[in-house]
Amino acid sequence: MPELTKRLVATMSDRIREGTRIEQQRDRLVSLGKLAAGLAHELNNPASAAQRASGGIRHALTKMRNANAELWRRPIQESDRARIEALEASLLQSSTPLDGLALSDLEEHLDSILKSHGFENAWELSGALARANMPADTLISLLRDLDAETARAAITRIATAVDLSALLSAIENGSARISDLIRTVKDYTHMDQAPAQNEDIVRSVEATLSTLAHLLQPSIKVQRTYPTEPLLVNTVGNELNQVWANLIENAIEAMHGQGELRLHIFREDHNIVVEIGDNGPGIPPEIEPHIFDPFFTTKGIGEGTGLGLNTVRTIVRKHGGSIHVNTRPGDTRFQVWLPRADHSEPDLPNG
């Protein structure tokens, strides 16, 4: 029955298309989940640091208020008042922090000086004064020239001011990190931007790499070889970022948490070439011809749909480019060739 055959084939084709669409949507949701989890992880550290610093500021302000109240209740000459304020300002403006060993030595020396003058909380004060690189001679001079109670209040005020400055810096750094992450996500998703535009390819790759920072363990080194001049490609939304995300994630997984991720971007005639490589075990010869086939995967059930590299190739071709792979143990490279934005007809390699 030819008519029945036509209807069955049409129905099967519709179901295949619908199944493919569902699997692609699932892959996008999985990628979105990974991005959200990574972003939450990256945001948690600076947000927690800023929260801890704000709590520390509240405590430090109480100490500062008490020290000031004690200091200004004391009979103190105007010259000594100016001296304390000048010393505090100079320590806050110090831009030469000490390294670990020198800092430890100075802190120990200042601690012994304070203890010799009866300071019970010498360890709290010496740490702050050492971070501000306060010379031991300056501390000795201050203790010698002021009476005991005035010196105690003055040194507590100075040390607390140093702590406040450090806490404010922590909040500034945390806030800046959060802003950078939000800017990175906006670059990655192309929020507030036109659907099609000329994009600096290095910025696109780096924005993607930043969103995957949670996958880059300390044992994975990133080697970058980038051009000095900007290379522009015409892209639609965040589609190319999906390409880089898939290729970088595959490279990281191939190295099993240890190795070298190699990012090489260069110009070849009228093309831009983005090469993403790793020094993992390589792709087995029997698998290599099928890696771009839809639904082909070497992962376990539920771990992958086999549409990642097929989607990559589809997006690259949509942008008028091509993708190639060269692999051997210790050196696997995916090359994405894309036409430069100022040339409409790319000279792409065969394959």
Protein backbone atom coordinates (compact mmCIF):
# COMPACT_ATOMS: atom_id res chain seq x y z
CA MET A 1 0.00 0.00 0.00
CA PRO A 2 2.09 2.96 -1.28
CA GLU A 3 -0.20 5.53 0.33
CA LEU A 4 0.24 3.91 3.76
CA THR A 5 4.03 3.82 3.26
CA LYS A 6 4.07 7.55 2.53
CA ARG A 7 2.01 8.28 5.64
CA LEU A 8 4.21 6.07 7.83
CA VAL A 9 7.42 7.62 6.52
CA ALA A 10 6.03 11.12 7.03
CA THR A 11 4.91 10.27 10.57
CA MET A 12 8.28 8.70 11.40
CA SER A 13 10.11 11.73 10.01
CA ASP A 14 7.98 14.05 12.14
CA ARG A 15 8.69 11.96 15.23
CA ILE A 16 12.43 11.93 14.53
CA ARG A 17 12.44 15.71 14.14
CA GLU A 18 10.43 16.12 17.33
CA GLY A 19 12.74 13.71 19.20
CA THR A 20 15.79 15.58 17.97
CA ARG A 21 14.26 18.89 19.02
CA ILE A 22 13.52 17.53 22.51
CA GLU A 23 17.05 16.17 22.90
CA GLN A 24 18.56 19.46 21.74
CA GLN A 25 16.37 21.33 24.19
CA ARG A 26 17.47 18.94 26.93
CA ASP A 27 21.12 19.61 26.06
CA ARG A 28 20.49 23.35 26.27
CA LEU A 29 18.86 22.93 29.68
CA VAL A 30 21.79 20.82 30.88
CA SER A 31 24.22 23.50 29.67
CA LEU A 32 22.13 26.17 31.38
CA GLY A 33 22.18 24.14 34.60
CA LYS A 34 25.97 23.81 34.43
CA LEU A 35 26.31 27.54 33.80
CA ALA A 36 23.99 28.38 36.71
CA ALA A 37 25.83 26.00 39.06
CA GLY A 38 29.21 27.38 38.04
CA LEU A 39 28.03 30.97 38.36
CA ALA A 40 26.57 30.29 41.82
CA HIS A 41 29.88 28.74 42.88
CA GLU A 42 31.89 31.68 41.55
CA LEU A 43 29.55 34.27 43.10
CA ASN A 44 29.50 32.56 46.48
CA ASN A 45 33.15 33.27 47.33
CA PRO A 46 33.20 37.06 46.81
CA ALA A 47 29.70 37.43 48.27
CA SER A 48 30.71 35.50 51.40
CA ALA A 49 33.93 37.53 51.69
CA ALA A 50 31.98 40.79 51.46
CA GLN A 51 29.50 39.58 54.08
CA ARG A 52 32.27 38.59 56.48
CA ALA A 53 34.01 41.92 55.92
CA SER A 54 30.83 43.89 56.63
CA GLY A 55 30.46 42.05 59.95
CA GLY A 56 34.09 42.81 60.73
CA ILE A 57 33.54 46.49 60.00
CA ARG A 58 30.74 46.66 62.56
CA HIS A 59 33.05 45.23 65.23
CA ALA A 60 35.96 47.45 64.16
CA LEU A 61 33.81 50.59 64.31
CA THR A 62 32.91 49.80 67.91
CA LYS A 63 36.62 49.45 68.77
CA MET A 64 37.41 52.67 66.90
CA ARG A 65 34.69 54.59 68.76
CA ASN A 66 35.89 53.33 72.14
CA ALA A 67 39.54 54.11 71.31
CA ASN A 68 38.65 57.63 70.16
CA ALA A 69 36.56 58.28 73.24
CA GLU A 70 39.44 57.18 75.48
CA LEU A 71 42.03 59.07 73.47
CA TRP A 72 40.25 62.42 73.44
CA ARG A 73 39.40 62.18 77.13
CA ARG A 74 43.11 62.14 77.89
CA PRO A 75 45.03 65.40 78.42
CA ILE A 76 46.96 65.43 75.16
CA GLN A 77 48.93 68.16 73.45
CA GLU A 78 47.92 69.34 70.03
CA SER A 79 51.29 68.31 68.60
CA ASP A 80 50.80 64.74 69.86
CA ARG A 81 47.28 64.68 68.42
CA ALA A 82 48.64 65.77 65.03
CA ARG A 83 51.43 63.21 65.29
CA ILE A 84 48.97 60.35 65.90
CA GLU A 85 46.76 61.42 62.99
CA ALA A 86 49.76 61.83 60.65
CA LEU A 87 51.09 58.37 61.59
CA GLU A 88 47.69 56.82 61.00
CA ALA A 89 47.36 58.48 57.58
CA SER A 90 50.86 57.43 56.50
CA LEU A 91 50.21 53.79 57.44
CA LEU A 92 46.89 53.75 55.58
CA GLN A 93 48.60 55.11 52.47
CA SER A 94 51.42 52.55 52.59
CA SER A 95 51.66 50.75 49.22
CA THR A 96 54.53 48.37 49.98
CA PRO A 97 53.06 45.30 51.71
CA LEU A 98 55.59 42.80 53.03
CA ASP A 99 55.89 39.22 51.85
CA GLY A 100 55.05 36.28 54.11
CA LEU A 101 58.35 35.79 55.94
CA ALA A 102 59.13 39.50 56.41
CA LEU A 103 55.55 40.12 57.56
CA SER A 104 55.79 37.32 60.11
CA ASP A 105 59.11 38.63 61.44
CA LEU A 106 57.80 42.19 61.79
CA GLU A 107 54.60 41.01 63.46
CA GLU A 108 56.60 38.98 65.98
CA HIS A 109 58.88 41.96 66.72
CA LEU A 110 55.96 44.38 67.20
CA ASP A 111 54.17 41.82 69.37
CA SER A 112 57.15 41.53 71.71
CA ILE A 113 57.38 45.34 71.99
CA LEU A 114 53.68 45.66 72.88
CA LYS A 115 53.84 42.81 75.39
CA SER A 116 56.81 44.45 77.08
CA HIS A 117 54.61 47.52 77.65
CA GLY A 118 51.75 45.52 79.17
CA PHE A 119 49.39 45.18 76.17
CA GLU A 120 47.09 42.19 76.79
CA ASN A 121 45.77 42.08 73.20
CA ALA A 122 49.19 42.57 71.64
CA TRP A 123 48.64 39.83 69.03
CA GLU A 124 45.57 41.62 67.60
CA LEU A 125 47.33 44.97 67.35
CA SER A 126 50.67 43.66 66.10
CA GLY A 127 49.05 41.84 63.17
CA ALA A 128 47.32 44.99 61.91
CA LEU A 129 50.39 47.18 62.45
CA ALA A 130 52.63 44.70 60.63
CA ARG A 131 50.24 44.56 57.64
CA ALA A 132 50.57 48.35 57.48
CA ASN A 133 54.37 47.95 57.59
CA MET A 134 54.78 50.05 60.75
CA PRO A 135 58.48 50.38 61.64
CA ALA A 136 59.40 49.03 65.05
CA ASP A 137 61.30 52.25 65.85
CA THR A 138 58.15 54.29 65.23
CA LEU A 139 56.17 52.13 67.67
CA ILE A 140 58.90 52.38 70.30
CA SER A 141 59.04 56.17 69.90
CA LEU A 142 55.27 56.47 70.28
CA LEU A 143 55.26 54.35 73.42
CA ARG A 144 58.15 56.36 74.87
CA ASP A 145 56.71 59.82 74.22
CA LEU A 146 53.11 59.20 75.36
CA ASP A 147 51.82 58.10 78.73
CA ALA A 148 50.68 54.47 78.96
CA GLU A 149 46.89 55.01 78.64
CA THR A 150 47.20 57.55 75.84
CA ALA A 151 49.61 55.31 73.94
CA ARG A 152 47.26 52.34 74.36
CA ALA A 153 44.30 54.28 72.98
CA ALA A 154 46.36 55.76 70.12
CA ILE A 155 47.80 52.41 69.03
CA THR A 156 44.38 50.73 69.26
CA ARG A 157 42.91 53.48 67.07
CA ILE A 158 45.71 53.18 64.50
CA ALA A 159 45.50 49.37 64.35
CA THR A 160 41.70 49.49 64.06
CA ALA A 161 41.94 52.03 61.22
CA VAL A 162 44.27 49.63 59.39
CA ASP A 163 41.77 46.78 59.94
CA LEU A 164 38.93 48.94 58.64
CA SER A 165 40.90 49.78 55.53
CA ALA A 166 41.61 46.06 54.91
CA LEU A 167 37.94 45.17 55.41
CA LEU A 168 36.83 47.89 52.99
CA SER A 169 39.32 46.58 50.43
CA ALA A 170 37.84 43.10 50.85
CA ILE A 171 34.36 44.46 50.14
CA GLU A 172 35.64 46.43 47.14
CA ASN A 173 37.40 43.36 45.74
CA GLY A 174 34.37 41.14 46.32
CA SER A 175 32.01 43.66 44.72
CA ALA A 176 34.37 44.09 41.76
CA ARG A 177 34.55 40.31 41.33
CA ILE A 178 30.76 40.04 41.36
CA SER A 179 30.50 42.86 38.81
CA ASP A 180 33.08 41.13 36.61
CA LEU A 181 31.15 37.87 36.77
CA ILE A 182 27.88 39.59 35.85
CA ARG A 183 29.62 41.37 32.98
CA THR A 184 31.07 38.04 31.83
CA VAL A 185 27.64 36.40 31.85
CA LYS A 186 26.19 39.34 29.92
CA ASP A 187 28.97 38.97 27.37
CA TYR A 188 28.39 35.22 27.21
CA THR A 189 24.63 35.51 26.73
CA HIS A 190 24.80 38.79 24.74
CA MET A 191 22.19 40.42 26.95
CA ASP A 192 21.22 43.97 25.92
CA GLN A 193 22.81 43.44 22.49
CA ALA A 194 21.51 42.98 18.97
CA PRO A 195 20.95 39.38 17.76
CA ALA A 196 23.59 39.69 15.02
CA GLN A 197 26.77 41.72 15.44
CA ASN A 198 30.50 41.77 14.93
CA GLU A 199 32.22 40.12 17.88
CA ASP A 200 35.88 40.09 18.92
CA ILE A 201 36.66 36.37 18.82
CA VAL A 202 39.17 36.54 21.69
CA ARG A 203 36.64 38.27 23.92
CA SER A 204 34.06 35.62 23.00
CA VAL A 205 36.38 32.74 23.92
CA GLU A 206 37.51 34.42 27.16
CA ALA A 207 33.93 35.14 28.22
CA THR A 208 33.10 31.47 27.74
CA LEU A 209 36.23 30.38 29.61
CA SER A 210 35.29 32.62 32.54
CA THR A 211 31.87 30.99 32.84
CA LEU A 212 33.60 27.59 33.01
CA ALA A 213 36.17 28.66 35.61
CA HIS A 214 34.63 26.26 38.15
CA LEU A 215 35.74 23.35 35.93
CA LEU A 216 39.36 24.50 35.75
CA GLN A 217 41.03 22.68 38.60
CA PRO A 218 44.45 23.90 39.78
CA SER A 219 46.05 20.94 37.99
CA ILE A 220 44.71 22.20 34.63
CA LYS A 221 46.90 24.87 33.07
CA VAL A 222 45.53 27.19 30.40
CA GLN A 223 47.91 28.13 27.61
CA ARG A 224 46.79 31.10 25.52
CA THR A 225 48.18 32.20 22.16
CA TYR A 226 46.17 35.18 20.96
CA PRO A 227 46.65 37.77 18.21
CA THR A 228 47.64 41.30 19.11
CA GLU A 229 44.94 42.89 16.92
CA PRO A 230 41.19 42.25 17.34
CA LEU A 231 39.71 39.69 14.94
CA LEU A 232 35.99 40.19 14.30
CA VAL A 233 33.43 37.62 13.24
CA ASN A 234 29.75 38.20 12.58
CA THR A 235 27.79 36.11 15.07
CA VAL A 236 24.18 35.64 16.04
CA GLY A 237 23.46 35.99 19.75
CA ASN A 238 25.49 33.64 21.91
CA GLU A 239 25.69 30.77 19.43
CA LEU A 240 29.47 30.82 19.04
CA ASN A 241 29.82 30.83 22.81
CA GLN A 242 27.98 27.49 22.75
CA VAL A 243 30.66 26.21 20.38
CA TRP A 244 33.53 27.24 22.66
CA ALA A 245 31.72 25.91 25.74
CA ASN A 246 31.22 22.47 24.18
CA LEU A 247 34.79 22.19 22.93
CA ILE A 248 36.36 23.45 26.17
CA GLU A 249 34.21 21.15 28.32
CA ASN A 250 35.13 18.18 26.12
CA ALA A 251 38.83 19.04 26.42
CA ILE A 252 38.60 19.31 30.21
CA GLU A 253 36.76 16.00 30.47
CA ALA A 254 39.31 14.33 28.19
CA MET A 255 42.16 15.35 30.52
CA HIS A 256 40.42 13.87 33.59
CA GLY A 257 41.18 16.91 35.72
CA GLN A 258 44.88 17.21 34.94
CA GLY A 259 46.69 18.56 31.89
CA GLU A 260 47.01 21.55 29.61
CA LEU A 261 44.16 23.37 27.88
CA ARG A 262 45.52 25.12 24.78
CA LEU A 263 43.73 28.07 23.21
CA HIS A 264 45.22 29.33 19.95
CA ILE A 265 43.56 32.02 17.83
CA PHE A 266 45.09 33.28 14.61
CA ARG A 267 44.30 34.76 11.22
CA GLU A 268 44.61 32.71 8.05
CA ASP A 269 43.96 34.77 4.89
CA HIS A 270 40.32 35.85 5.11
CA ASN A 271 39.55 33.46 7.96
CA ILE A 272 39.78 33.38 11.72
CA VAL A 273 40.94 30.08 13.18
CA VAL A 274 40.11 29.14 16.75
CA GLU A 275 42.04 26.09 17.92
CA ILE A 276 41.05 24.42 21.19
CA GLY A 277 43.35 21.59 22.21
CA ASP A 278 44.36 19.39 25.10
CA ASN A 279 47.09 16.90 25.98
CA GLY A 280 44.70 14.12 26.92
CA PRO A 281 44.77 10.54 25.60
CA GLY A 282 43.30 11.50 22.24
CA ILE A 283 40.29 10.19 20.32
CA PRO A 284 40.45 6.48 19.39
CA PRO A 285 40.71 5.91 15.59
CA GLU A 286 37.54 3.81 15.50
CA ILE A 287 35.54 6.64 17.10
CA GLU A 288 36.96 9.66 15.28
CA PRO A 289 34.86 9.30 12.08
CA HIS A 290 31.64 9.38 14.13
CA ILE A 291 32.23 12.16 16.66
CA PHE A 292 30.10 14.66 14.72
CA ASP A 293 27.27 12.19 14.09
CA PRO A 294 24.02 13.01 15.86
CA PHE A 295 23.29 10.92 18.98
CA PHE A 296 26.78 9.37 18.94
CA THR A 297 28.29 9.40 22.42
CA THR A 298 30.82 7.44 24.43
CA LYS A 299 29.30 8.56 27.74
CA GLY A 300 27.09 6.45 29.93
CA ILE A 301 23.32 6.47 29.81
CA GLY A 302 21.97 9.76 31.09
CA GLU A 303 25.36 11.49 30.88
CA GLY A 304 25.14 12.74 27.31
CA THR A 305 22.84 12.76 24.30
CA GLY A 306 25.51 12.75 21.61
CA LEU A 307 24.35 16.06 20.16
CA GLY A 308 27.12 18.31 21.51
CA LEU A 309 29.60 18.13 18.62
CA ASN A 310 26.80 17.81 16.08
CA THR A 311 25.35 21.06 17.42
CA VAL A 312 28.82 22.63 17.26
CA ARG A 313 29.20 21.71 13.60
CA THR A 314 25.70 22.98 12.82
CA ILE A 315 26.39 26.37 14.42
CA VAL A 316 29.79 26.71 12.74
CA ARG A 317 28.31 25.92 9.32
CA LYS A 318 25.49 28.41 9.99
CA HIS A 319 28.21 31.05 10.39
CA GLY A 320 29.78 30.05 7.07
CA GLY A 321 32.66 28.16 8.64
CA SER A 322 33.96 24.64 9.13
CA ILE A 323 35.37 22.52 11.95
CA HIS A 324 38.17 19.94 11.84
CA VAL A 325 39.90 17.71 14.34
CA ASN A 326 43.46 16.43 14.53
CA THR A 327 44.15 13.94 17.27
CA ARG A 328 46.84 11.72 18.64
CA PRO A 329 47.77 10.72 22.19
CA GLY A 330 48.87 13.83 24.05
CA ASP A 331 47.69 16.28 21.37
CA THR A 332 44.07 16.72 20.30
CA ARG A 333 43.08 19.89 18.45
CA PHE A 334 39.69 21.09 17.27
CA GLN A 335 40.02 23.87 14.70
CA VAL A 336 37.07 26.15 13.96
CA TRP A 337 37.47 28.18 10.75
CA LEU A 338 35.23 31.23 10.48
CA PRO A 339 35.06 34.04 7.90
CA ARG A 340 36.24 37.41 9.11
CA ALA A 341 33.48 39.96 9.48
CA ASP A 342 34.92 42.15 6.69
CA HIS A 343 35.03 39.27 4.15
CA SER A 344 31.85 37.58 3.01
CA GLU A 345 33.44 34.69 1.10
CA PRO A 346 35.81 32.65 3.29
CA ASP A 347 38.66 30.54 1.93
CA LEU A 348 37.95 27.43 3.98
CA PRO A 349 40.12 24.31 3.91
CA ASN A 350 38.73 21.14 2.41
CA GLY A 351 37.05 18.70 4.77
